[in-house]
Amino acid sequence: MSLFSEHLEKVATVLTSYQALIDSHLVDFITENLWDQCLPKSLRNELETLSSNSIINANFYGQESTTPELYKFCKLINALSLDKCNLVYDLRDIPDLFLEWGIDLKNLESKIHNSRLDFMNAKKSYEVEIVARITSSLAEIHSSAVIDAGAGKGYLSQHISEKYKIPVLAIDSSDIAYRGAIRRQNILQKKPNQSSHLVHHLAQRIDEFTEFAELAEKYFPTWSLSENLTLTGLHTCGSLGHSVIKAFLKTDCIKSLCLVTCCYHLAETSLGGKLNISKNAKMLAQQSVQRSCQNEYSLSPTLHYRAVFQVLLHSLGMQDVKVGRGAPVDNFVTYAKWALNKIGLDPTQIPPDNVIEELYSSHESFKAKMELFQTLRIQLGSVIESAILLDRIIYLEDSKVCSNFALVRLFDPLISPRCYGIIAIK
């Protein structure tokens, strides 16, 4: 068993142990008594002695604690998250890693802009710079053109072609994204020293059966240095990430891969068929531990309001009601009346304000427990993300097609929470 597989096995064991907590939904926190139903008794008893999340923060980062069960939980989570996994590389490790793989470091050593790139916000500019440097370095191994999967408005494609003079075929299934990319390209072409002619945009769905060689030949007929391609994607959404990995392995002419995925909840759970993770769990993997910690794990008023509103719905004999977003959060009475109107309740059946207010007051004390409960769930989200990404890297490993591959933290998670990339060469 490989080291990746060993780590995934440990992760899967923990996820099974806390499956009830992971699969729960805060909407049901009060009505389903999730505090008692989902937490181990010893941990629950310790949590009930806390008045804030300060001790949880201390435990998670390994400081001393007077709560041994909580300390044990947080240390376990810390050990299994990718953030602390010694199998995962960091961006600063890339030069040494590429030297080991025999990759030219010229593009990695290029200077990063101190200002935003054209028509990008600071976050997107930061992400594009990093992925472009890595992708261009991979492309130059085989003098290959680049396929940008899920290219969106062409931010990454345009930057690779402009800065590194590499042809890029930017593919996105969305006609709206395609039209936006063309508009952006037309604007950029008016600037001096642009290489927009090296980028071709295409509106097409990608899957593992896409004929990338035919597309490259069609759109780059003069690109004759080789018949090789590099496949890249920056925050490919949902199942597209799986399709890109399968296409990389299946397509002979695709020699290298640089992929950052997102939207785990929109993808099938497992590439290798070894994981069975619920949609609630995959949604939890989308949470950012680092951002939550920065915000001191403060619970959104909407989450607490929605849980109390569930009590109100049950009192009215209503089940399985979806409220959606956009509710006012000034106070619970306003929130509840807005929600009841939205779901189409007869106005004559809406309880008076004083009844709604009394209901909220009698359940306000649940907020502190909800905050602690959700904090633990967010911590477990990092372990779920470990499972999802380890499953993908193991799929590459088991294929026996790759000569080298790595899982790398490319971004600062405070800036870009979906910060892990998969890099591979055949």
Protein backbone atom coordinates (compact mmCIF):
# COMPACT_ATOMS: atom_id res chain seq x y z
CA MET A 1 0.00 0.00 0.00
CA SER A 2 1.34 3.44 -0.95
CA LEU A 3 1.80 6.26 1.55
CA PHE A 4 -1.11 8.11 -0.05
CA SER A 5 -3.35 5.07 0.37
CA GLU A 6 -2.28 4.61 3.98
CA HIS A 7 -3.15 8.22 4.73
CA LEU A 8 -6.51 7.91 2.98
CA GLU A 9 -7.29 4.80 5.01
CA LYS A 10 -6.72 6.75 8.24
CA VAL A 11 -8.87 9.60 6.94
CA ALA A 12 -11.70 7.24 5.98
CA THR A 13 -11.67 5.67 9.45
CA VAL A 14 -12.12 9.07 11.11
CA LEU A 15 -14.86 10.11 8.69
CA THR A 16 -16.75 6.93 9.48
CA SER A 17 -16.42 7.61 13.22
CA TYR A 18 -17.91 11.08 12.85
CA GLN A 19 -20.32 10.37 10.00
CA ALA A 20 -23.41 11.54 11.90
CA LEU A 21 -21.75 14.89 12.67
CA ILE A 22 -20.50 15.27 9.10
CA ASP A 23 -23.80 14.38 7.42
CA SER A 24 -25.93 16.56 9.69
CA HIS A 25 -27.56 19.81 8.60
CA LEU A 26 -27.75 22.85 10.87
CA VAL A 27 -31.34 23.45 9.82
CA ASP A 28 -32.23 20.43 11.96
CA PHE A 29 -30.02 21.35 14.93
CA ILE A 30 -32.91 22.06 17.31
CA THR A 31 -35.72 19.93 15.90
CA GLU A 32 -33.57 16.79 15.56
CA ASN A 33 -31.54 17.38 18.75
CA LEU A 34 -28.29 17.12 16.81
CA TRP A 35 -26.17 18.13 19.80
CA ASP A 36 -27.04 14.89 21.58
CA GLN A 37 -27.44 12.74 18.48
CA CYS A 38 -24.18 13.54 16.67
CA LEU A 39 -21.54 14.17 19.32
CA PRO A 40 -19.82 11.50 21.45
CA LYS A 41 -20.95 11.83 25.06
CA SER A 42 -17.47 12.50 26.49
CA LEU A 43 -16.80 15.26 23.96
CA ARG A 44 -20.30 16.69 24.40
CA ASN A 45 -19.86 16.93 28.17
CA GLU A 46 -16.63 18.88 27.76
CA LEU A 47 -18.13 21.23 25.21
CA GLU A 48 -20.98 22.05 27.56
CA THR A 49 -18.43 23.59 29.94
CA LEU A 50 -17.31 26.12 27.31
CA SER A 51 -18.72 29.58 26.86
CA SER A 52 -16.83 30.45 23.64
CA ASN A 53 -14.72 28.94 20.88
CA SER A 54 -11.42 30.23 22.25
CA ILE A 55 -10.41 26.82 23.61
CA ILE A 56 -11.23 25.16 20.30
CA ASN A 57 -8.86 27.56 18.53
CA ALA A 58 -6.16 26.79 21.07
CA ASN A 59 -6.66 23.03 20.72
CA PHE A 60 -6.59 23.08 16.95
CA TYR A 61 -3.19 24.72 16.92
CA GLY A 62 -1.76 22.39 19.49
CA GLN A 63 -1.62 24.55 22.60
CA GLU A 64 -2.18 23.25 26.11
CA SER A 65 -5.72 22.45 27.14
CA THR A 66 -7.70 21.41 30.15
CA THR A 67 -10.22 19.58 27.96
CA PRO A 68 -8.61 16.26 26.92
CA GLU A 69 -11.43 14.98 24.67
CA LEU A 70 -11.54 18.19 22.68
CA TYR A 71 -7.76 18.31 22.56
CA LYS A 72 -7.65 14.75 21.19
CA PHE A 73 -10.29 15.55 18.56
CA CYS A 74 -8.53 18.65 17.29
CA LYS A 75 -5.08 17.06 17.24
CA LEU A 76 -6.48 14.19 15.19
CA ILE A 77 -8.07 16.57 12.69
CA ASN A 78 -4.87 18.58 12.50
CA ALA A 79 -2.83 15.47 11.72
CA LEU A 80 -5.15 14.28 8.94
CA SER A 81 -5.76 17.57 7.13
CA LEU A 82 -3.67 18.23 4.03
CA ASP A 83 -2.32 21.37 5.62
CA LYS A 84 -0.09 19.25 7.88
CA CYS A 85 0.36 16.19 5.66
CA ASN A 86 4.01 15.49 4.84
CA LEU A 87 2.92 13.93 1.53
CA VAL A 88 1.81 17.33 0.25
CA TYR A 89 4.24 19.83 -1.20
CA ASP A 90 4.13 23.60 -0.79
CA LEU A 91 4.54 26.18 -3.55
CA ARG A 92 8.03 26.99 -2.28
CA ASP A 93 8.99 23.33 -2.85
CA ILE A 94 8.21 23.48 -6.57
CA PRO A 95 11.74 24.53 -7.74
CA ASP A 96 13.37 21.57 -5.97
CA LEU A 97 10.59 19.25 -7.13
CA PHE A 98 10.93 20.35 -10.75
CA LEU A 99 14.72 20.03 -10.62
CA GLU A 100 14.21 16.47 -9.46
CA TRP A 101 11.83 15.89 -12.36
CA GLY A 102 14.23 17.51 -14.86
CA ILE A 103 12.05 20.53 -15.62
CA ASP A 104 13.53 23.89 -16.65
CA LEU A 105 13.07 26.47 -13.90
CA LYS A 106 13.25 29.53 -16.18
CA ASN A 107 9.53 30.30 -16.06
CA LEU A 108 9.31 29.62 -12.33
CA GLU A 109 11.95 32.26 -11.74
CA SER A 110 10.10 34.91 -13.74
CA LYS A 111 9.07 37.93 -11.75
CA ILE A 112 5.53 38.04 -10.39
CA HIS A 113 3.53 41.24 -10.94
CA ASN A 114 3.14 43.42 -7.89
CA SER A 115 -0.09 44.82 -9.31
CA ARG A 116 -3.24 43.22 -10.67
CA LEU A 117 -3.25 41.76 -14.14
CA ASP A 118 -5.55 43.32 -16.71
CA PHE A 119 -9.27 43.02 -15.93
CA MET A 120 -8.77 40.72 -12.92
CA ASN A 121 -9.39 41.20 -9.23
CA ALA A 122 -6.51 40.67 -6.82
CA LYS A 123 -7.46 37.07 -6.00
CA LYS A 124 -7.76 35.97 -9.61
CA SER A 125 -4.55 37.74 -10.57
CA TYR A 126 -2.68 35.98 -7.78
CA GLU A 127 -4.02 32.55 -8.81
CA VAL A 128 -3.41 33.08 -12.53
CA GLU A 129 0.22 34.15 -12.02
CA ILE A 130 1.06 31.00 -10.08
CA VAL A 131 -0.76 28.47 -12.27
CA ALA A 132 0.58 30.12 -15.44
CA ARG A 133 4.19 29.80 -14.27
CA ILE A 134 3.77 26.12 -13.48
CA THR A 135 1.77 25.30 -16.61
CA SER A 136 4.23 27.07 -18.91
CA SER A 137 7.14 25.21 -17.30
CA LEU A 138 5.37 21.90 -17.93
CA ALA A 139 4.54 22.90 -21.52
CA GLU A 140 8.14 23.64 -22.34
CA ILE A 141 9.28 20.13 -21.41
CA HIS A 142 7.70 18.78 -24.59
CA SER A 143 7.36 22.07 -26.52
CA SER A 144 3.63 21.59 -26.19
CA ALA A 145 0.59 23.74 -26.69
CA VAL A 146 -1.76 24.18 -23.71
CA ILE A 147 -5.38 23.15 -23.30
CA ASP A 148 -7.14 25.29 -20.65
CA ALA A 149 -10.10 23.25 -19.44
CA GLY A 150 -12.99 25.25 -18.01
CA ALA A 151 -11.30 28.42 -19.19
CA GLY A 152 -14.11 30.79 -18.25
CA LYS A 153 -13.32 34.28 -19.49
CA GLY A 154 -9.81 33.26 -20.50
CA TYR A 155 -7.82 34.86 -17.70
CA LEU A 156 -5.30 32.02 -17.44
CA SER A 157 -5.19 31.33 -21.18
CA GLN A 158 -4.51 34.92 -22.08
CA HIS A 159 -1.77 35.30 -19.50
CA ILE A 160 0.03 32.12 -20.58
CA SER A 161 -0.01 33.17 -24.22
CA GLU A 162 0.94 36.79 -23.52
CA LYS A 163 3.74 36.24 -21.01
CA TYR A 164 5.17 32.91 -22.16
CA LYS A 165 4.28 32.99 -25.90
CA ILE A 166 2.70 29.56 -25.76
CA PRO A 167 -0.39 28.68 -27.87
CA VAL A 168 -3.47 27.99 -25.74
CA LEU A 169 -6.82 26.45 -26.64
CA ALA A 170 -9.28 27.80 -24.06
CA ILE A 171 -12.34 25.54 -23.76
CA ASP A 172 -15.47 26.18 -21.72
CA SER A 173 -18.89 24.56 -21.95
CA SER A 174 -20.69 27.84 -21.17
CA ASP A 175 -21.69 30.05 -24.10
CA ILE A 176 -21.88 33.00 -21.70
CA ALA A 177 -18.30 32.43 -20.54
CA TYR A 178 -17.20 31.99 -24.15
CA ARG A 179 -18.75 35.29 -25.23
CA GLY A 180 -17.20 37.03 -22.22
CA ALA A 181 -13.79 35.63 -23.17
CA ILE A 182 -14.12 36.86 -26.73
CA ARG A 183 -15.11 40.36 -25.55
CA ARG A 184 -12.16 40.43 -23.16
CA GLN A 185 -9.79 39.22 -25.89
CA ASN A 186 -11.01 41.93 -28.29
CA ILE A 187 -10.31 44.60 -25.67
CA LEU A 188 -6.85 43.25 -24.94
CA GLN A 189 -5.97 43.11 -28.63
CA LYS A 190 -6.09 46.90 -28.71
CA LYS A 191 -3.14 47.05 -26.32
CA PRO A 192 0.42 46.95 -27.72
CA ASN A 193 2.56 43.80 -27.67
CA GLN A 194 -0.35 41.42 -27.20
CA SER A 195 -0.24 37.74 -28.19
CA SER A 196 -3.98 37.24 -28.50
CA HIS A 197 -3.46 35.40 -31.80
CA LEU A 198 -1.99 32.54 -29.75
CA VAL A 199 -5.28 32.00 -27.90
CA HIS A 200 -8.29 30.30 -29.45
CA HIS A 201 -11.56 30.15 -27.51
CA LEU A 202 -13.98 27.29 -27.94
CA ALA A 203 -17.42 26.64 -26.45
CA GLN A 204 -17.55 22.89 -25.99
CA ARG A 205 -18.23 20.34 -23.28
CA ILE A 206 -15.14 18.41 -22.18
CA ASP A 207 -15.07 14.83 -21.02
CA GLU A 208 -12.59 11.97 -21.04
CA PHE A 209 -13.51 11.14 -24.64
CA THR A 210 -12.80 14.60 -26.07
CA GLU A 211 -10.46 14.39 -29.07
CA PHE A 212 -7.89 16.91 -27.91
CA ALA A 213 -5.37 16.00 -30.64
CA GLU A 214 -7.93 16.82 -33.35
CA LEU A 215 -8.82 20.11 -31.66
CA ALA A 216 -5.14 21.10 -31.39
CA GLU A 217 -4.54 20.27 -35.05
CA LYS A 218 -7.60 22.25 -36.10
CA TYR A 219 -6.85 25.40 -34.13
CA PHE A 220 -3.03 25.30 -34.25
CA PRO A 221 -2.17 23.95 -37.73
CA THR A 222 1.22 25.72 -37.69
CA TRP A 223 2.20 24.41 -34.27
CA SER A 224 4.53 21.72 -35.56
CA LEU A 225 7.31 21.50 -32.96
CA SER A 226 5.62 18.45 -31.54
CA GLU A 227 2.26 16.73 -31.20
CA ASN A 228 2.22 17.15 -27.44
CA LEU A 229 -0.21 18.98 -25.19
CA THR A 230 -0.27 20.21 -21.61
CA LEU A 231 -3.65 20.13 -19.89
CA THR A 232 -4.41 22.75 -17.25
CA GLY A 233 -7.39 24.05 -15.31
CA LEU A 234 -7.78 26.71 -12.66
CA HIS A 235 -10.70 25.92 -10.34
CA THR A 236 -12.36 23.46 -12.69
CA CYS A 237 -15.84 22.99 -11.35
CA GLY A 238 -17.39 19.77 -10.08
CA SER A 239 -17.18 16.73 -12.36
CA LEU A 240 -14.98 18.60 -14.86
CA GLY A 241 -12.03 17.95 -12.56
CA HIS A 242 -12.62 14.20 -12.83
CA SER A 243 -13.00 14.43 -16.61
CA VAL A 244 -9.73 16.33 -16.93
CA ILE A 245 -7.82 13.71 -14.93
CA LYS A 246 -9.33 10.85 -16.97
CA ALA A 247 -8.60 12.67 -20.24
CA PHE A 248 -4.99 13.24 -19.19
CA LEU A 249 -4.48 9.55 -18.54
CA LYS A 250 -6.34 8.38 -21.64
CA THR A 251 -4.97 10.79 -24.25
CA ASP A 252 -1.49 9.87 -25.43
CA CYS A 253 -0.56 13.32 -26.69
CA ILE A 254 -1.30 15.00 -23.35
CA LYS A 255 2.03 14.77 -21.56
CA SER A 256 1.56 16.95 -18.48
CA LEU A 257 -1.15 18.20 -16.14
CA CYS A 258 -1.62 21.13 -13.76
CA LEU A 259 -5.08 21.09 -12.18
CA VAL A 260 -6.78 23.01 -9.37
CA THR A 261 -10.36 21.89 -8.72
CA CYS A 262 -13.31 23.32 -6.80
CA CYS A 263 -17.03 22.75 -6.15
CA TYR A 264 -16.56 19.27 -4.68
CA HIS A 265 -20.31 18.96 -4.09
CA LEU A 266 -20.95 18.98 -7.85
CA ALA A 267 -18.69 16.01 -8.59
CA GLU A 268 -19.11 12.29 -8.17
CA THR A 269 -17.58 11.35 -4.86
CA SER A 270 -14.77 9.10 -5.93
CA LEU A 271 -12.59 8.53 -8.97
CA GLY A 272 -11.35 5.23 -7.62
CA GLY A 273 -14.72 4.07 -6.32
CA LYS A 274 -13.36 3.71 -2.78
CA LEU A 275 -15.15 6.63 -1.14
CA ASN A 276 -18.81 7.21 -0.36
CA ILE A 277 -19.24 10.79 0.80
CA SER A 278 -22.65 12.46 1.12
CA LYS A 279 -23.54 15.78 -0.49
CA ASN A 280 -23.67 17.40 2.95
CA ALA A 281 -20.13 16.18 3.58
CA LYS A 282 -18.90 17.48 0.23
CA MET A 283 -20.49 20.84 0.99
CA LEU A 284 -18.61 20.82 4.28
CA ALA A 285 -15.34 20.26 2.40
CA GLN A 286 -15.98 23.61 0.70
CA GLN A 287 -15.65 25.43 4.04
CA SER A 288 -12.39 27.24 4.79
CA VAL A 289 -10.90 26.40 8.19
CA GLN A 290 -8.45 29.28 7.86
CA ARG A 291 -11.10 31.90 7.08
CA SER A 292 -13.39 30.56 9.79
CA CYS A 293 -10.57 30.78 12.29
CA GLN A 294 -9.80 34.33 11.19
CA ASN A 295 -13.46 35.17 11.81
CA GLU A 296 -13.27 33.44 15.22
CA TYR A 297 -15.76 30.81 14.03
CA SER A 298 -18.60 33.31 14.31
CA LEU A 299 -21.92 31.75 13.34
CA SER A 300 -23.92 33.59 10.72
CA PRO A 301 -27.21 34.92 12.16
CA THR A 302 -28.98 33.32 9.22
CA LEU A 303 -27.93 29.82 10.32
CA HIS A 304 -29.33 30.28 13.79
CA TYR A 305 -32.48 31.94 12.49
CA ARG A 306 -33.04 29.10 10.04
CA ALA A 307 -32.76 26.47 12.81
CA VAL A 308 -35.30 28.34 14.95
CA PHE A 309 -37.49 28.85 11.90
CA GLN A 310 -37.50 25.07 11.48
CA VAL A 311 -39.12 24.86 14.91
CA LEU A 312 -41.76 27.36 13.76
CA LEU A 313 -42.41 25.36 10.59
CA HIS A 314 -42.89 22.16 12.59
CA SER A 315 -45.35 23.97 14.87
CA LEU A 316 -47.33 24.88 11.75
CA GLY A 317 -47.28 21.26 10.55
CA MET A 318 -44.85 21.94 7.72
CA GLN A 319 -41.94 19.65 6.78
CA ASP A 320 -39.17 19.65 4.14
CA VAL A 321 -39.53 23.33 3.28
CA LYS A 322 -36.77 25.13 1.40
CA VAL A 323 -36.38 28.81 2.19
CA GLY A 324 -33.40 29.79 0.03
CA ARG A 325 -31.23 32.86 0.31
CA GLY A 326 -31.77 36.59 0.51
CA ALA A 327 -33.62 36.75 3.82
CA PRO A 328 -33.32 39.92 5.95
CA VAL A 329 -31.33 39.39 9.16
CA ASP A 330 -32.26 42.53 11.11
CA ASN A 331 -34.20 40.42 13.61
CA PHE A 332 -35.90 37.04 13.76
CA VAL A 333 -39.46 38.35 13.43
CA THR A 334 -38.61 40.07 10.14
CA TYR A 335 -36.72 36.98 8.96
CA ALA A 336 -39.57 34.60 9.83
CA LYS A 337 -42.32 36.69 8.23
CA TRP A 338 -40.24 37.14 5.07
CA ALA A 339 -39.62 33.37 4.89
CA LEU A 340 -43.26 32.45 5.52
CA ASN A 341 -44.39 34.80 2.77
CA LYS A 342 -41.75 33.40 0.41
CA ILE A 343 -42.88 29.81 0.86
CA GLY A 344 -46.45 30.89 0.11
CA LEU A 345 -48.12 30.51 3.52
CA ASP A 346 -51.60 32.03 3.72
CA PRO A 347 -51.10 35.44 5.41
CA THR A 348 -53.94 34.63 7.81
CA GLN A 349 -51.92 31.68 9.13
CA ILE A 350 -48.79 33.68 9.90
CA PRO A 351 -48.43 33.92 13.71
CA PRO A 352 -48.47 37.36 15.39
CA ASP A 353 -45.15 39.11 15.97
CA ASN A 354 -45.23 38.49 19.74
CA VAL A 355 -45.65 34.73 19.22
CA ILE A 356 -42.73 34.62 16.80
CA GLU A 357 -40.60 36.70 19.17
CA GLU A 358 -41.45 34.45 22.11
CA LEU A 359 -40.51 31.38 20.08
CA TYR A 360 -37.14 32.91 19.23
CA SER A 361 -36.45 33.93 22.83
CA SER A 362 -37.13 30.41 24.08
CA HIS A 363 -34.55 29.00 21.62
CA GLU A 364 -31.93 31.76 21.65
CA SER A 365 -29.77 29.77 24.06
CA PHE A 366 -29.10 27.17 21.34
CA LYS A 367 -26.88 29.61 19.46
CA ALA A 368 -23.77 28.99 21.57
CA LYS A 369 -24.05 25.22 21.12
CA MET A 370 -24.66 25.65 17.39
CA GLU A 371 -21.49 27.71 17.14
CA LEU A 372 -19.43 25.00 18.81
CA PHE A 373 -21.17 22.28 16.78
CA GLN A 374 -20.48 24.01 13.48
CA THR A 375 -16.87 24.71 14.46
CA LEU A 376 -16.26 20.98 14.85
CA ARG A 377 -17.95 20.31 11.52
CA ILE A 378 -15.77 22.88 9.76
CA GLN A 379 -12.66 21.26 11.21
CA LEU A 380 -13.85 17.92 9.85
CA GLY A 381 -14.37 19.60 6.48
CA SER A 382 -10.61 19.80 6.06
CA VAL A 383 -10.41 16.02 6.52
CA ILE A 384 -13.14 15.48 3.93
CA GLU A 385 -11.17 17.62 1.50
CA SER A 386 -8.16 15.41 2.24
CA ALA A 387 -10.18 12.34 1.30
CA ILE A 388 -11.40 13.87 -1.97
CA LEU A 389 -7.97 15.01 -3.14
CA LEU A 390 -6.12 11.92 -1.94
CA ASP A 391 -8.58 9.81 -3.90
CA ARG A 392 -7.64 11.75 -7.04
CA ILE A 393 -3.90 11.52 -6.56
CA ILE A 394 -4.21 7.78 -5.83
CA TYR A 395 -6.17 7.40 -9.07
CA LEU A 396 -3.19 8.89 -10.91
CA GLU A 397 -0.79 6.72 -8.94
CA ASP A 398 -2.70 3.51 -9.66
CA SER A 399 -2.83 4.25 -13.39
CA LYS A 400 0.93 3.58 -13.73
CA VAL A 401 0.90 6.15 -16.54
CA CYS A 402 2.64 9.01 -14.71
CA SER A 403 6.40 9.19 -14.31
CA ASN A 404 5.99 11.88 -11.67
CA PHE A 405 3.05 13.40 -9.82
CA ALA A 406 2.46 15.56 -6.75
CA LEU A 407 -0.23 17.20 -4.66
CA VAL A 408 0.81 20.80 -3.99
CA ARG A 409 -0.58 23.67 -1.95
CA LEU A 410 -0.30 26.41 -4.54
CA PHE A 411 -2.17 29.28 -2.87
CA ASP A 412 -2.50 30.94 0.49
CA PRO A 413 -5.80 29.43 1.75
CA LEU A 414 -6.84 32.77 3.25
CA ILE A 415 -6.73 34.24 -0.25
CA SER A 416 -7.93 31.20 -2.17
CA PRO A 417 -9.47 28.43 -0.02
CA ARG A 418 -9.40 25.82 -2.80
CA CYS A 419 -5.65 26.00 -2.77
CA TYR A 420 -4.43 22.50 -3.72
CA GLY A 421 -3.21 21.57 -7.17
CA ILE A 422 -2.36 18.27 -8.82
CA ILE A 423 0.75 18.30 -11.02
CA ALA A 424 1.71 15.29 -13.13
CA ILE A 425 3.86 14.33 -16.09
CA LYS A 426 3.93 11.12 -18.12
